[in-house]
Amino acid sequence: MTVSRDKTNKAGYFLRVLFLIILLACVAAVIFVAMRGMSKSEPAPGPPVGEVSLSPGKAPTLFEQFVTSGGWIVWFILLPMSFAMVYLSGFYAMTIRKSNLAPAGIGNEIGRILLAAGPKELVNNLGEKNDLVSIAIAEAFKKGRDDWFRLREAFFESMQEQALRLSRQVEWINLIGNVSPMVGLFGTVVGMIELFGAIVTAGGQPQPIQLAHGISVALVTTFWGLLIAIPALSVYGIFRNRIEALVNEAISEGEDALRKIRSGLESRRRLETAKPKQESSSADKIIVINPKQSAPAQQQKPVNYGK
């Protein structure tokens, strides 16, 4: 029963490790490209004091505007958070599905297996499945055994535990969606600190180019924080509603299976109670037949010795 679940856990662990490797490679690539671009871009000599240069500067690329100008906060915090959000969204979109958690007709299938093979074989077959209903029914048989009321209670306890487990898993997306705006605000504060530092360095009369870096850090980090938070919170709401809908469908399928299990247990009990009656009735028949067989021997006429 645990073999298939162990394989599933190993596959999930492998996917997570693979994602971490890809994430680190992407972050390293971003840092490498950014540092390479910064080393190649040398500032042009400014005009002499008292003169204004009218020649336009080189227009920055989109990568420089939205990644490089954000500083280390974008490289080391916001970009990894965006990668994690995309990965979790894709992973849960593939796993939190009706075909995986609440397949149609699973209740009828459980009842059919119970009637054909019995409770022990049913538990073994359900151990190879990973949907909500199969896991809950298997746990219910372990705890309730032949007591249907205890079995029903254990079923709903298992369903509640699985629903909480799924909710805790998608809670990571909610966490990213709530933290990323705070990180963006942190970047805004850092940018404003750099901006005022540039004003102090310039003696109170800075050039616009000296203020550009602090302003870009403040705005780009805010941009990335909102860019991560909006889809993350939206995806979290979608997954939360999907989990509630799938759990309700699984409970409906499980109730169908419980009705079939109850009828199967009752029929099994009737058969078990009918066997002792048949054995006792057959024993009574033997006891009744024996006196009849010995009756002719007891009714023999006595011998008259007087004659």
Foldseek 3Di string as FASTA:
>chain_A
DCPLVVVVVVVVVVVVVVLVVVLVVVLVVLVVVLVVVVVVDDDDDADDPPDHDPDDDDDDDPCCLQANLQPPLRSPPLSSLLSVLVVLLVVCVVQLDCCQAPDPPPLVVLLVCCVVPNDVVSLVVLSNHDYLLSVLQNQLCVQPPLPLVSSVVSSVVSLVVVLVVLLVSLVVLVVSLVCQQVSLQVQLVVLVVQQVVLCVVVVNDHDVVSSVSSVSNNVSSNVSSNVSNPVSVVSSVVSNVSSVVSSVSSVVSNVSNSVSSVVSSVVVVVVVVVVVVVVVVVVVVVVVVVCVVCVVVVPDDDDDPVD
